[in-house]
């Protein structure tokens, strides 16, 4: 019976804390802020007490052998997950070690003129487009 009363108190204190939390932005007086904080603390304490009792009940109902078995299964799952990730990382590393394509003939033979050096950039949109395509083919080809 105490558990249902405790649950009812918890629910009412959480509802009260929710209502008070909505008033945080509009609270002006120090008294209002104190009421809000006390309501939130009460709800926090009741929730902590409720959860700690629930945790104690669940731990006491489980036998130590069951805990060890659960820990072993969790550890095995974690180890298998780690192994899968390591394997995928190795595959990714191997795939990324492929040989790069050599430079394309058009980018290897770049004619520089005095105007290009002074200007710092190319004004020919066709040449810019070709260089961009060469880069794309070089790295994604």
Protein backbone atom coordinates (compact mmCIF):
# COMPACT_ATOMS: atom_id res chain seq x y z
CA UNK A 1 0.00 0.00 0.00
CA UNK A 2 2.91 2.32 0.73
CA UNK A 3 4.13 1.92 -2.82
CA UNK A 4 0.87 3.20 -4.34
CA UNK A 5 0.80 6.12 -1.91
CA UNK A 6 4.41 6.89 -2.74
CA UNK A 7 3.63 6.70 -6.45
CA UNK A 8 0.66 9.04 -6.04
CA UNK A 9 2.82 11.51 -4.10
CA UNK A 10 5.49 11.29 -6.78
CA UNK A 11 2.97 12.00 -9.54
CA UNK A 12 1.46 14.96 -7.72
CA UNK A 13 4.88 16.44 -6.90
CA UNK A 14 5.99 16.04 -10.52
CA UNK A 15 2.83 17.76 -11.73
CA UNK A 16 3.38 20.57 -9.22
CA UNK A 17 7.03 20.90 -10.28
CA UNK A 18 5.98 21.06 -13.93
CA UNK A 19 3.51 23.86 -13.22
CA UNK A 20 6.08 25.73 -11.18
CA UNK A 21 8.79 25.28 -13.82
CA UNK A 22 6.51 26.93 -16.38
CA UNK A 23 6.46 30.01 -14.15
CA UNK A 24 10.24 30.41 -13.99
CA UNK A 25 10.38 33.02 -16.75
CA UNK A 26 7.55 35.11 -15.29
CA UNK A 27 8.55 34.93 -11.61
CA UNK A 28 9.61 38.33 -10.34
CA UNK A 29 9.57 38.11 -6.57
CA UNK A 30 12.11 36.25 -4.48
CA UNK A 31 9.28 34.41 -2.70
CA UNK A 32 8.01 32.97 -5.99
CA UNK A 33 11.48 31.78 -6.95
CA UNK A 34 11.88 30.08 -3.56
CA UNK A 35 8.56 28.27 -4.02
CA UNK A 36 9.61 27.11 -7.47
CA UNK A 37 12.97 25.79 -6.28
CA UNK A 38 11.44 24.04 -3.27
CA UNK A 39 8.83 22.39 -5.50
CA UNK A 40 11.53 21.18 -7.88
CA UNK A 41 13.66 19.87 -4.99
CA UNK A 42 10.73 17.99 -3.47
CA UNK A 43 9.96 16.37 -6.83
CA UNK A 44 13.63 15.49 -7.28
CA UNK A 45 13.87 13.91 -3.83
CA UNK A 46 10.69 11.87 -4.28
CA UNK A 47 11.77 10.69 -7.70
CA UNK A 48 15.21 9.71 -6.38
CA UNK A 49 13.67 7.78 -3.49
CA UNK A 50 11.25 6.00 -5.80
CA UNK A 51 13.95 5.03 -8.28
CA UNK A 52 16.38 3.87 -5.59
CA UNK A 53 13.72 1.58 -4.09
CA UNK A 54 12.92 0.18 -7.52
CA UNK A 55 16.61 -0.44 -8.18
CA UNK A 56 17.06 -2.18 -4.82
CA UNK A 57 14.10 -4.46 -5.51
CA UNK A 58 15.38 -5.41 -8.94
CA UNK A 59 18.91 -6.12 -7.67
CA UNK A 60 17.73 -8.16 -4.69
CA UNK A 61 15.50 -10.31 -6.88
CA UNK A 62 18.36 -11.30 -9.19
CA UNK A 63 20.67 -14.05 -8.07
CA UNK A 64 24.45 -13.45 -8.29
CA UNK A 65 24.86 -16.17 -10.92
CA UNK A 66 22.38 -14.40 -13.16
CA UNK A 67 24.34 -11.16 -12.81
CA UNK A 68 27.56 -12.89 -13.82
CA UNK A 69 25.89 -14.49 -16.84
CA UNK A 70 24.43 -11.15 -17.90
CA UNK A 71 27.82 -9.48 -17.54
CA UNK A 72 29.43 -12.20 -19.65
CA UNK A 73 26.84 -11.87 -22.42
CA UNK A 74 27.19 -8.09 -22.42
CA UNK A 75 30.97 -8.44 -22.59
CA UNK A 76 30.73 -10.96 -25.45
CA UNK A 77 28.39 -8.68 -27.39
CA UNK A 78 30.71 -5.74 -26.84
CA UNK A 79 33.76 -7.75 -27.95
CA UNK A 80 31.99 -8.99 -31.08
CA UNK A 81 30.89 -5.44 -31.88
CA UNK A 82 34.44 -4.18 -31.46
CA UNK A 83 35.74 -6.96 -33.71
CA UNK A 84 33.18 -6.09 -36.40
CA UNK A 85 34.16 -2.42 -36.28
CA UNK A 86 37.86 -3.28 -36.45
CA UNK A 87 37.23 -5.52 -39.46
CA UNK A 88 35.30 -2.80 -41.27
CA UNK A 89 38.05 -0.29 -40.48
CA UNK A 90 40.65 -2.65 -41.98
CA UNK A 91 38.52 -3.04 -45.12
CA UNK A 92 38.15 0.72 -45.36
CA UNK A 93 41.91 1.20 -44.93
CA UNK A 94 42.65 -1.37 -47.63
CA UNK A 95 40.18 0.24 -50.04
CA UNK A 96 41.70 3.68 -49.51
CA UNK A 97 45.22 2.46 -50.29
CA UNK A 98 44.56 2.16 -54.01
CA UNK A 99 47.00 3.79 -56.41
CA UNK A 100 46.21 7.30 -57.54
CA UNK A 101 45.85 8.06 -61.21
CA UNK A 102 48.71 9.95 -62.82
CA UNK A 103 48.18 13.56 -63.77
CA UNK A 104 46.19 14.12 -66.91
CA UNK A 105 48.07 15.41 -69.95
CA UNK A 106 46.16 18.68 -69.97
CA UNK A 107 47.11 19.52 -66.39
CA UNK A 108 50.72 18.36 -66.85
CA UNK A 109 51.23 20.78 -69.71
CA UNK A 110 50.14 24.04 -68.19
CA UNK A 111 51.14 27.11 -70.05
CA UNK A 112 51.75 30.08 -67.82
CA UNK A 113 51.95 33.51 -69.22
CA UNK A 114 53.00 36.75 -67.63
CA UNK A 115 49.38 37.89 -67.55
CA UNK A 116 48.32 34.78 -65.62
CA UNK A 117 51.09 35.28 -63.08
CA UNK A 118 50.17 38.94 -62.56
CA UNK A 119 46.46 38.30 -62.39
CA UNK A 120 46.68 35.35 -60.00
CA UNK A 121 43.67 33.58 -61.51
CA UNK A 122 42.53 32.44 -64.90
CA UNK A 123 39.86 34.46 -66.66
CA UNK A 124 39.13 31.75 -69.22
CA UNK A 125 36.01 29.90 -68.02
CA UNK A 126 36.61 26.98 -70.39
CA UNK A 127 40.12 26.36 -69.00
CA UNK A 128 38.78 26.62 -65.45
CA UNK A 129 36.11 24.07 -66.27
CA UNK A 130 38.67 21.70 -67.79
CA UNK A 131 40.94 21.97 -64.74
CA UNK A 132 38.00 21.26 -62.46
CA UNK A 133 37.04 18.20 -64.50
CA UNK A 134 40.65 16.99 -64.45
CA UNK A 135 40.66 17.23 -60.65
CA UNK A 136 37.39 15.35 -60.43
CA UNK A 137 38.65 12.57 -62.67
CA UNK A 138 41.97 12.43 -60.86
CA UNK A 139 40.45 11.88 -57.43
CA UNK A 140 37.16 10.17 -58.30
CA UNK A 141 38.00 8.38 -61.51
